[in-house]
Amino acid sequence: ACVTEPVRHTAANKAISRGRIMFFIWIHRKHIFDPMLCEAQTADHSHEGFAVKITQIHGYHLSFTPRIPLGNARTFLRQRQFLLLELRTDGGLSGWGEVFSSPWAAATIIQRQIGATVLDRTPLDHGAIQAQLLPGIGYDKRGASMMAISALDMALHDLAARAHGLSLAQYLGGAVRRELPCYASGPFIQEG
């Protein structure tokens, strides 16, 4: 994952544990992503036989306060919050997923409802796991339940690719383009 070491406020740090599902709460005061720290994964993570099983789920609640509040037509964003989800295996691999919308609700759903579904399973079963989880969300096709399933699905795909010693693009069939069009939301307005 491309994440710098967070600036931690000791009063706000705490861990919420439910067996092998652990969530950490960190409050940040600076940007947490540094693209200069990102490096491509190489084949040194491959495992013969793909016998890896998911043994732990770790969730990291992250937040930062923009220097200037970001305003749009509806509101001003004075703080951004995210959930980074890490799945760990008995073979020492980690796979990462994330939630940017409803991170606290998604974390609760993972902790209390769906997280146990992936424990002791191989990440290579990502399709079967998703098929097992989707019927349980009922009408919540765009809300916190889908965010929670999506974070698990991202982490499972990441783990499966790493188990094969491949990039995620290679695992999904290879890159189909070298450049992507840029998209930015806006406009952002200032208060006052």
C-alpha atoms as a PDB file:
ATOM      1  CA  ALA A   1       0.000   0.000   0.000  1.00  0.00           C
ATOM      2  CA  CYS A   2       1.150   3.522  -0.679  1.00  0.00           C
ATOM      3  CA  VAL A   3       0.690   5.025   2.759  1.00  0.00           C
ATOM      4  CA  THR A   4       3.114   7.106   4.772  1.00  0.00           C
ATOM      5  CA  GLU A   5       3.536   6.576   8.495  1.00  0.00           C
ATOM      6  CA  PRO A   6       0.619   8.421  10.104  1.00  0.00           C
ATOM      7  CA  VAL A   7       0.886  11.248  12.581  1.00  0.00           C
ATOM      8  CA  ARG A   8      -0.890   9.792  15.587  1.00  0.00           C
ATOM      9  CA  HIS A   9      -2.729  11.563  18.361  1.00  0.00           C
ATOM     10  CA  THR A  10      -2.193   9.271  21.314  1.00  0.00           C
ATOM     11  CA  ALA A  11      -5.466  10.245  22.968  1.00  0.00           C
ATOM     12  CA  ALA A  12      -7.394   9.170  19.878  1.00  0.00           C
ATOM     13  CA  ASN A  13      -5.551   5.923  19.207  1.00  0.00           C
ATOM     14  CA  LYS A  14      -7.354   2.785  20.187  1.00  0.00           C
ATOM     15  CA  ALA A  15      -7.858  -0.685  18.850  1.00  0.00           C
ATOM     16  CA  ILE A  16     -11.184  -2.443  18.633  1.00  0.00           C
ATOM     17  CA  SER A  17     -10.756  -6.212  18.579  1.00  0.00           C
ATOM     18  CA  ARG A  18     -13.166  -9.035  17.865  1.00  0.00           C
ATOM     19  CA  GLY A  19     -10.915 -12.091  17.796  1.00  0.00           C
ATOM     20  CA  ARG A  20      -8.931 -12.043  14.569  1.00  0.00           C
ATOM     21  CA  ILE A  21     -10.690  -8.934  13.239  1.00  0.00           C
ATOM     22  CA  MET A  22      -8.829  -5.851  14.503  1.00  0.00           C
ATOM     23  CA  PHE A  23      -9.615  -2.214  13.745  1.00  0.00           C
ATOM     24  CA  PHE A  24      -7.313   0.702  14.538  1.00  0.00           C
ATOM     25  CA  ILE A  25      -8.387   4.310  14.822  1.00  0.00           C
ATOM     26  CA  TRP A  26      -5.865   6.961  13.799  1.00  0.00           C
ATOM     27  CA  ILE A  27      -6.596  10.638  13.403  1.00  0.00           C
ATOM     28  CA  HIS A  28      -4.273  12.425  10.997  1.00  0.00           C
ATOM     29  CA  ARG A  29      -3.301  16.018  10.578  1.00  0.00           C
ATOM     30  CA  LYS A  30      -1.449  15.784   7.280  1.00  0.00           C
ATOM     31  CA  HIS A  31      -1.824  14.066   3.934  1.00  0.00           C
ATOM     32  CA  ILE A  32      -1.372  10.328   4.285  1.00  0.00           C
ATOM     33  CA  PHE A  33      -0.776   9.306   0.687  1.00  0.00           C
ATOM     34  CA  ASP A  34       2.613   9.873  -0.897  1.00  0.00           C
ATOM     35  CA  PRO A  35       2.815   8.645  -4.498  1.00  0.00           C
ATOM     36  CA  MET A  36       6.614   8.742  -4.327  1.00  0.00           C
ATOM     37  CA  LEU A  37       6.505   5.833  -1.854  1.00  0.00           C
ATOM     38  CA  CYS A  38       4.549   3.557  -4.207  1.00  0.00           C
ATOM     39  CA  GLU A  39       6.541   0.744  -5.757  1.00  0.00           C
ATOM     40  CA  ALA A  40       5.384  -1.994  -8.092  1.00  0.00           C
ATOM     41  CA  GLN A  41       5.043  -5.444  -6.564  1.00  0.00           C
ATOM     42  CA  THR A  42       7.412  -8.050  -7.958  1.00  0.00           C
ATOM     43  CA  ALA A  43       7.176 -11.805  -8.142  1.00  0.00           C
ATOM     44  CA  ASP A  44       8.989 -12.329  -4.828  1.00  0.00           C
ATOM     45  CA  HIS A  45       5.600 -12.746  -3.098  1.00  0.00           C
ATOM     46  CA  SER A  46       4.573 -15.884  -4.975  1.00  0.00           C
ATOM     47  CA  HIS A  47       3.735 -19.019  -3.027  1.00  0.00           C
ATOM     48  CA  GLU A  48       3.895 -22.544  -4.368  1.00  0.00           C
ATOM     49  CA  GLY A  49       0.605 -24.400  -4.268  1.00  0.00           C
ATOM     50  CA  PHE A  50      -1.458 -21.336  -3.308  1.00  0.00           C
ATOM     51  CA  ALA A  51      -2.237 -22.841   0.085  1.00  0.00           C
ATOM     52  CA  VAL A  52      -2.472 -19.436   1.746  1.00  0.00           C
ATOM     53  CA  LYS A  53      -5.446 -18.842   4.032  1.00  0.00           C
ATOM     54  CA  ILE A  54      -6.704 -15.541   5.402  1.00  0.00           C
ATOM     55  CA  THR A  55      -5.991 -15.431   9.123  1.00  0.00           C
ATOM     56  CA  GLN A  56      -6.570 -11.783  10.110  1.00  0.00           C
ATOM     57  CA  ILE A  57      -8.473  -8.686   9.092  1.00  0.00           C
ATOM     58  CA  HIS A  58      -7.082  -5.310  10.097  1.00  0.00           C
ATOM     59  CA  GLY A  59      -8.948  -2.065   9.512  1.00  0.00           C
ATOM     60  CA  TYR A  60      -7.269   1.335   9.719  1.00  0.00           C
ATOM     61  CA  HIS A  61      -9.478   4.383  10.155  1.00  0.00           C
ATOM     62  CA  LEU A  62      -7.664   7.343   8.646  1.00  0.00           C
ATOM     63  CA  SER A  63      -8.608  10.978   8.420  1.00  0.00           C
ATOM     64  CA  PHE A  64      -7.089  14.277   7.482  1.00  0.00           C
ATOM     65  CA  THR A  65      -8.104  17.894   7.661  1.00  0.00           C
ATOM     66  CA  PRO A  66      -7.618  19.807   4.402  1.00  0.00           C
ATOM     67  CA  ARG A  67      -5.700  23.054   4.759  1.00  0.00           C
ATOM     68  CA  ILE A  68      -8.731  24.844   3.272  1.00  0.00           C
ATOM     69  CA  PRO A  69     -12.232  23.304   3.575  1.00  0.00           C
ATOM     70  CA  LEU A  70     -13.394  21.856   0.247  1.00  0.00           C
ATOM     71  CA  GLY A  71     -16.801  23.201  -0.712  1.00  0.00           C
ATOM     72  CA  ASN A  72     -19.279  22.016  -3.284  1.00  0.00           C
ATOM     73  CA  ALA A  73     -22.931  22.797  -3.978  1.00  0.00           C
ATOM     74  CA  ARG A  74     -24.110  20.826  -0.931  1.00  0.00           C
ATOM     75  CA  THR A  75     -21.584  21.304   1.871  1.00  0.00           C
ATOM     76  CA  PHE A  76     -18.047  22.078   3.000  1.00  0.00           C
ATOM     77  CA  LEU A  77     -15.746  19.166   3.791  1.00  0.00           C
ATOM     78  CA  ARG A  78     -13.649  20.040   6.818  1.00  0.00           C
ATOM     79  CA  GLN A  79     -12.354  16.508   7.343  1.00  0.00           C
ATOM     80  CA  ARG A  80     -11.975  13.474   5.052  1.00  0.00           C
ATOM     81  CA  GLN A  81     -12.197   9.972   6.490  1.00  0.00           C
ATOM     82  CA  PHE A  82     -11.255   6.611   5.004  1.00  0.00           C
ATOM     83  CA  LEU A  83     -10.979   2.970   5.964  1.00  0.00           C
ATOM     84  CA  LEU A  84      -8.008   0.971   4.743  1.00  0.00           C
ATOM     85  CA  LEU A  85      -8.628  -2.741   5.034  1.00  0.00           C
ATOM     86  CA  GLU A  86      -5.776  -5.234   5.256  1.00  0.00           C
ATOM     87  CA  LEU A  87      -6.270  -8.985   4.934  1.00  0.00           C
ATOM     88  CA  ARG A  88      -3.348 -11.062   6.227  1.00  0.00           C
ATOM     89  CA  THR A  89      -2.586 -14.671   5.398  1.00  0.00           C
ATOM     90  CA  ASP A  90      -0.767 -17.493   7.114  1.00  0.00           C
ATOM     91  CA  GLY A  91       1.836 -17.240   4.339  1.00  0.00           C
ATOM     92  CA  GLY A  92       2.783 -13.674   5.278  1.00  0.00           C
ATOM     93  CA  LEU A  93       0.966 -11.921   2.439  1.00  0.00           C
ATOM     94  CA  SER A  94      -1.194  -8.820   2.866  1.00  0.00           C
ATOM     95  CA  GLY A  95      -3.910  -7.596   0.534  1.00  0.00           C
ATOM     96  CA  TRP A  96      -5.433  -4.123   0.718  1.00  0.00           C
ATOM     97  CA  GLY A  97      -8.863  -2.630   0.080  1.00  0.00           C
ATOM     98  CA  GLU A  98     -10.393   0.724   0.946  1.00  0.00           C
ATOM     99  CA  VAL A  99     -13.619   2.554   1.748  1.00  0.00           C
ATOM    100  CA  PHE A 100     -14.037   6.301   1.285  1.00  0.00           C
ATOM    101  CA  SER A 101     -17.797   6.569   1.708  1.00  0.00           C
ATOM    102  CA  SER A 102     -19.314   5.568   5.058  1.00  0.00           C
ATOM    103  CA  PRO A 103     -16.056   4.159   6.482  1.00  0.00           C
ATOM    104  CA  TRP A 104     -17.355   3.794  10.060  1.00  0.00           C
ATOM    105  CA  ALA A 105     -20.503   1.974   9.001  1.00  0.00           C
ATOM    106  CA  ALA A 106     -18.563  -0.267   6.603  1.00  0.00           C
ATOM    107  CA  ALA A 107     -16.089  -1.123   9.374  1.00  0.00           C
ATOM    108  CA  THR A 108     -18.918  -2.122  11.689  1.00  0.00           C
ATOM    109  CA  ILE A 109     -20.470  -4.320   8.993  1.00  0.00           C
ATOM    110  CA  ILE A 110     -17.118  -6.034   8.392  1.00  0.00           C
ATOM    111  CA  GLN A 111     -16.512  -6.514  12.117  1.00  0.00           C
ATOM    112  CA  ARG A 112     -19.958  -7.762  13.089  1.00  0.00           C
ATOM    113  CA  GLN A 113     -21.471  -9.343  10.000  1.00  0.00           C
ATOM    114  CA  ILE A 114     -19.297 -10.287   7.050  1.00  0.00           C
ATOM    115  CA  GLY A 115     -15.646 -10.357   8.123  1.00  0.00           C
ATOM    116  CA  ALA A 116     -15.779 -13.904   9.458  1.00  0.00           C
ATOM    117  CA  THR A 117     -16.827 -15.093   5.978  1.00  0.00           C
ATOM    118  CA  VAL A 118     -13.293 -14.578   4.614  1.00  0.00           C
ATOM    119  CA  LEU A 119     -11.361 -15.990   7.576  1.00  0.00           C
ATOM    120  CA  ASP A 120      -9.709 -19.368   6.920  1.00  0.00           C
ATOM    121  CA  ARG A 121     -10.518 -19.058   3.202  1.00  0.00           C
ATOM    122  CA  THR A 122      -8.079 -18.745   0.325  1.00  0.00           C
ATOM    123  CA  PRO A 123      -8.078 -15.393  -1.498  1.00  0.00           C
ATOM    124  CA  LEU A 124      -8.349 -17.363  -4.726  1.00  0.00           C
ATOM    125  CA  ASP A 125     -12.015 -17.917  -3.817  1.00  0.00           C
ATOM    126  CA  HIS A 126     -12.754 -14.193  -4.244  1.00  0.00           C
ATOM    127  CA  GLY A 127     -15.590 -14.832  -6.703  1.00  0.00           C
ATOM    128  CA  ALA A 128     -17.270 -17.416  -4.481  1.00  0.00           C
ATOM    129  CA  ILE A 129     -16.864 -15.180  -1.427  1.00  0.00           C
ATOM    130  CA  GLN A 130     -18.445 -12.216  -3.201  1.00  0.00           C
ATOM    131  CA  ALA A 131     -21.313 -14.414  -4.427  1.00  0.00           C
ATOM    132  CA  GLN A 132     -21.865 -15.535  -0.829  1.00  0.00           C
ATOM    133  CA  LEU A 133     -21.856 -11.970   0.552  1.00  0.00           C
ATOM    134  CA  LEU A 134     -23.991 -10.132  -2.027  1.00  0.00           C
ATOM    135  CA  PRO A 135     -27.380 -11.736  -1.254  1.00  0.00           C
ATOM    136  CA  GLY A 136     -27.039 -10.683   2.387  1.00  0.00           C
ATOM    137  CA  ILE A 137     -27.117  -6.941   1.676  1.00  0.00           C
ATOM    138  CA  GLY A 138     -30.761  -6.810   0.628  1.00  0.00           C
ATOM    139  CA  TYR A 139     -31.678  -3.393  -0.734  1.00  0.00           C
ATOM    140  CA  ASP A 140     -28.388  -1.705   0.278  1.00  0.00           C
ATOM    141  CA  LYS A 141     -26.883  -1.863  -3.235  1.00  0.00           C
ATOM    142  CA  ARG A 142     -25.057   1.487  -2.947  1.00  0.00           C
ATOM    143  CA  GLY A 143     -24.643   2.021   0.787  1.00  0.00           C
ATOM    144  CA  ALA A 144     -22.346   0.939   3.592  1.00  0.00           C
ATOM    145  CA  SER A 145     -22.906  -2.789   3.027  1.00  0.00           C
ATOM    146  CA  MET A 146     -21.717  -2.546  -0.569  1.00  0.00           C
ATOM    147  CA  MET A 147     -18.761  -0.410   0.547  1.00  0.00           C
ATOM    148  CA  ALA A 148     -17.788  -3.137   3.049  1.00  0.00           C
ATOM    149  CA  ILE A 149     -18.084  -5.914   0.455  1.00  0.00           C
ATOM    150  CA  SER A 150     -16.136  -3.839  -2.062  1.00  0.00           C
ATOM    151  CA  ALA A 151     -13.267  -3.285   0.385  1.00  0.00           C
ATOM    152  CA  LEU A 152     -13.075  -7.033   1.060  1.00  0.00           C
ATOM    153  CA  ASP A 153     -13.270  -7.779  -2.665  1.00  0.00           C
ATOM    154  CA  MET A 154     -10.413  -5.360  -3.438  1.00  0.00           C
ATOM    155  CA  ALA A 155      -8.254  -6.910  -0.729  1.00  0.00           C
ATOM    156  CA  LEU A 156      -9.073 -10.450  -1.918  1.00  0.00           C
ATOM    157  CA  HIS A 157      -8.123  -9.600  -5.517  1.00  0.00           C
ATOM    158  CA  ASP A 158      -4.925  -7.924  -4.303  1.00  0.00           C
ATOM    159  CA  LEU A 159      -4.046 -11.037  -2.282  1.00  0.00           C
ATOM    160  CA  ALA A 160      -4.836 -13.429  -5.138  1.00  0.00           C
ATOM    161  CA  ALA A 161      -2.588 -11.454  -7.504  1.00  0.00           C
ATOM    162  CA  ARG A 162       0.225 -11.385  -4.949  1.00  0.00           C
ATOM    163  CA  ALA A 163      -0.120 -15.142  -4.377  1.00  0.00           C
ATOM    164  CA  HIS A 164       0.483 -15.616  -8.108  1.00  0.00           C
ATOM    165  CA  GLY A 165       3.385 -13.137  -8.071  1.00  0.00           C
ATOM    166  CA  LEU A 166       1.540 -10.845 -10.488  1.00  0.00           C
ATOM    167  CA  SER A 167       0.405  -7.264 -10.567  1.00  0.00           C
ATOM    168  CA  LEU A 168      -3.355  -6.900 -10.214  1.00  0.00           C
ATOM    169  CA  ALA A 169      -3.572  -5.756 -13.854  1.00  0.00           C
ATOM    170  CA  GLN A 170      -1.752  -8.906 -14.989  1.00  0.00           C
ATOM    171  CA  TYR A 171      -3.914 -11.086 -12.743  1.00  0.00           C
ATOM    172  CA  LEU A 172      -7.065  -9.606 -14.318  1.00  0.00           C
ATOM    173  CA  GLY A 173      -5.829 -10.368 -17.833  1.00  0.00           C
ATOM    174  CA  GLY A 174      -3.205  -7.712 -18.575  1.00  0.00           C
ATOM    175  CA  ALA A 175      -3.213  -3.963 -19.038  1.00  0.00           C
ATOM    176  CA  VAL A 176      -5.358  -2.871 -21.981  1.00  0.00           C
ATOM    177  CA  ARG A 177      -3.941   0.661 -22.107  1.00  0.00           C
ATOM    178  CA  ARG A 178      -0.913   2.574 -20.873  1.00  0.00           C
ATOM    179  CA  GLU A 179      -2.682   5.903 -20.307  1.00  0.00           C
ATOM    180  CA  LEU A 180      -6.030   6.790 -18.756  1.00  0.00           C
ATOM    181  CA  PRO A 181      -8.074   9.942 -19.193  1.00  0.00           C
ATOM    182  CA  CYS A 182      -7.971  12.242 -16.195  1.00  0.00           C
ATOM    183  CA  TYR A 183     -11.144  13.085 -14.290  1.00  0.00           C
ATOM    184  CA  ALA A 184     -11.597  15.609 -11.503  1.00  0.00           C
ATOM    185  CA  SER A 185     -14.709  16.579  -9.568  1.00  0.00           C
ATOM    186  CA  GLY A 186     -15.521  20.178  -8.978  1.00  0.00           C
ATOM    187  CA  PRO A 187     -15.816  22.992  -8.802  1.00  0.00           C
ATOM    188  CA  PHE A 188     -14.645  23.438  -5.240  1.00  0.00           C
ATOM    189  CA  ILE A 189     -15.593  26.721  -3.643  1.00  0.00           C
ATOM    190  CA  GLN A 190     -14.215  28.696  -0.712  1.00  0.00           C
ATOM    191  CA  GLU A 191     -16.158  29.796   2.330  1.00  0.00           C
ATOM    192  CA  GLY A 192     -17.145  33.410   2.673  1.00  0.00           C
END
